[in-house]
Protein backbone atom coordinates (compact mmCIF):
# COMPACT_ATOMS: atom_id res chain seq x y z
CA UNK A 1 -10.91 -15.26 51.10
CA UNK A 2 -9.50 -13.38 48.12
CA UNK A 3 -7.09 -15.08 45.74
CA UNK A 4 -3.52 -14.19 46.30
CA UNK A 5 -0.43 -14.92 44.38
CA UNK A 6 0.28 -17.89 46.67
CA UNK A 7 -3.03 -19.57 45.84
CA UNK A 8 -3.53 -19.50 42.04
CA UNK A 9 -6.93 -20.29 40.61
CA UNK A 10 -7.43 -23.73 39.11
CA UNK A 11 -7.96 -24.07 35.34
CA UNK A 12 -10.47 -26.94 35.51
CA UNK A 13 -9.00 -29.35 32.91
CA UNK A 14 -7.67 -27.03 30.21
CA UNK A 15 -4.17 -28.44 30.64
CA UNK A 16 -5.28 -31.94 29.61
CA UNK A 17 -7.04 -30.66 26.47
CA UNK A 18 -3.99 -28.59 25.51
CA UNK A 19 -1.68 -31.59 25.96
CA UNK A 20 -3.98 -33.80 23.91
CA UNK A 21 -4.11 -31.32 21.03
CA UNK A 22 -0.33 -30.91 21.11
CA UNK A 23 0.14 -34.70 21.04
CA UNK A 24 -2.15 -35.00 17.99
CA UNK A 25 -0.28 -32.24 16.13
CA UNK A 26 3.11 -33.79 16.93
CA UNK A 27 1.84 -37.22 15.83
CA UNK A 28 0.66 -35.86 12.49
CA UNK A 29 4.01 -34.14 11.94
CA UNK A 30 5.94 -37.34 12.76
CA UNK A 31 3.80 -39.41 10.39
CA UNK A 32 4.42 -36.89 7.61
CA UNK A 33 8.17 -36.96 8.24
CA UNK A 34 8.22 -40.76 8.26
CA UNK A 35 6.30 -40.95 4.99
CA UNK A 36 8.66 -38.43 3.38
CA UNK A 37 11.70 -40.41 4.51
CA UNK A 38 10.22 -43.67 3.22
CA UNK A 39 9.37 -42.18 -0.16
CA UNK A 40 12.79 -40.58 -0.57
CA UNK A 41 14.45 -43.91 0.26
CA UNK A 42 12.38 -45.67 -2.41
CA UNK A 43 13.28 -43.01 -4.99
CA UNK A 44 16.96 -43.28 -4.09
CA UNK A 45 16.93 -47.08 -4.47
CA UNK A 46 15.13 -46.84 -7.83
CA UNK A 47 17.71 -44.30 -9.07
CA UNK A 48 20.53 -46.56 -7.95
CA UNK A 49 18.96 -49.50 -9.81
CA UNK A 50 18.62 -47.44 -13.00
CA UNK A 51 22.22 -46.28 -12.70
CA UNK A 52 23.42 -49.87 -12.27
CA UNK A 53 21.32 -51.01 -15.25
CA UNK A 54 22.70 -48.24 -17.45
CA UNK A 55 26.25 -49.15 -16.45
CA UNK A 56 25.62 -52.83 -17.27
CA UNK A 57 24.06 -51.97 -20.65
CA UNK A 58 26.93 -49.66 -21.58
CA UNK A 59 29.47 -52.23 -20.45
CA UNK A 60 27.85 -54.99 -22.50
CA UNK A 61 27.58 -52.81 -25.61
CA UNK A 62 31.20 -51.72 -25.22
CA UNK A 63 32.29 -55.37 -24.96
CA UNK A 64 30.43 -56.17 -28.18
CA UNK A 65 31.94 -53.13 -29.92
CA UNK A 66 35.49 -54.07 -28.88
CA UNK A 67 34.97 -57.68 -29.94
CA UNK A 68 33.62 -56.54 -33.32
CA UNK A 69 36.58 -54.20 -33.86
CA UNK A 70 39.08 -57.00 -33.15
CA UNK A 71 37.41 -59.60 -35.35
CA UNK A 72 34.81 -58.10 -37.72
CA UNK A 73 32.05 -60.50 -38.59
CA UNK A 74 28.45 -61.22 -37.72
CA UNK A 75 27.35 -59.90 -34.36
CA UNK A 76 25.41 -62.34 -32.19
CA UNK A 77 23.09 -61.42 -29.35
CA UNK A 78 23.61 -62.96 -25.92
CA UNK A 79 22.20 -63.02 -22.40
CA UNK A 80 24.03 -62.48 -19.09
CA UNK A 81 22.83 -62.50 -15.51
CA UNK A 82 24.60 -60.25 -13.00
CA UNK A 83 23.95 -59.70 -9.31
CA UNK A 84 24.50 -56.24 -7.87
CA UNK A 85 23.16 -54.65 -4.68
CA UNK A 86 21.29 -57.85 -3.74
CA UNK A 87 19.37 -57.74 -7.05
CA UNK A 88 19.66 -59.83 -10.17
CA UNK A 89 20.01 -57.94 -13.45
CA UNK A 90 19.34 -59.75 -16.73
CA UNK A 91 21.34 -58.23 -19.62
CA UNK A 92 20.16 -59.26 -23.09
CA UNK A 93 21.75 -58.05 -26.32
CA UNK A 94 20.21 -58.45 -29.75
CA UNK A 95 21.01 -57.42 -33.30
CA UNK A 96 18.20 -55.30 -34.71
CA UNK A 97 17.08 -55.13 -38.34
CA UNK A 98 18.85 -52.37 -40.22
CA UNK A 99 16.65 -49.31 -40.85
CA UNK A 100 15.78 -48.74 -44.52
CA UNK A 101 17.29 -45.23 -44.38
CA UNK A 102 20.71 -46.79 -43.64
CA UNK A 103 20.52 -49.60 -46.23
CA UNK A 104 23.38 -48.10 -48.27
CA UNK A 105 25.76 -48.31 -45.29
CA UNK A 106 27.25 -51.28 -43.47
CA UNK A 107 25.81 -50.44 -40.08
CA UNK A 108 24.62 -53.00 -37.56
CA UNK A 109 22.27 -51.73 -34.85
CA UNK A 110 22.69 -53.56 -31.54
CA UNK A 111 20.32 -53.27 -28.58
CA UNK A 112 21.04 -54.06 -24.94
CA UNK A 113 18.07 -54.55 -22.62
CA UNK A 114 18.61 -54.74 -18.87
CA UNK A 115 15.76 -56.09 -16.75
CA UNK A 116 15.45 -56.36 -13.00
CA UNK A 117 12.78 -56.56 -10.34
CA UNK A 118 10.20 -58.75 -12.07
CA UNK A 119 7.46 -57.66 -9.69
CA UNK A 120 7.77 -54.10 -11.02
CA UNK A 121 8.61 -55.13 -14.63
CA UNK A 122 11.32 -52.49 -14.96
CA UNK A 123 13.75 -52.49 -17.88
CA UNK A 124 16.18 -50.18 -19.66
CA UNK A 125 17.28 -50.20 -23.31
CA UNK A 126 20.41 -48.78 -24.92
CA UNK A 127 21.61 -48.93 -28.53
CA UNK A 128 24.83 -48.73 -30.54
CA UNK A 129 25.54 -48.88 -34.27
CA UNK A 130 28.55 -50.86 -35.47
CA UNK A 131 30.20 -49.78 -38.73
């Protein structure tokens, strides 16, 4: 009996192999997308932490500058602990030795170091010079 359009020939298992290959390709694509999303989230969180640390350093240095302008005198370093975004930031300020090139001027270099995430040992430093 000849094949007619009402009785199509069977493909003998090619459909299963095609479906399996398609599933593998889709799985690889989904894993790649998930890894990209995870990495971009980590980068975004790290950038947010750096931005918060920079803000805290600038704020601390500005506080020291304003205090020094109101009552000139010796500048003293200090340490603060601040919690932001479920993380603890340690802000440490210190008076640095005056560079020899600036010995003729009354300039006091002050450093603020902000540390967070001890498991990654990440920190940020910012400086000001008080006249």
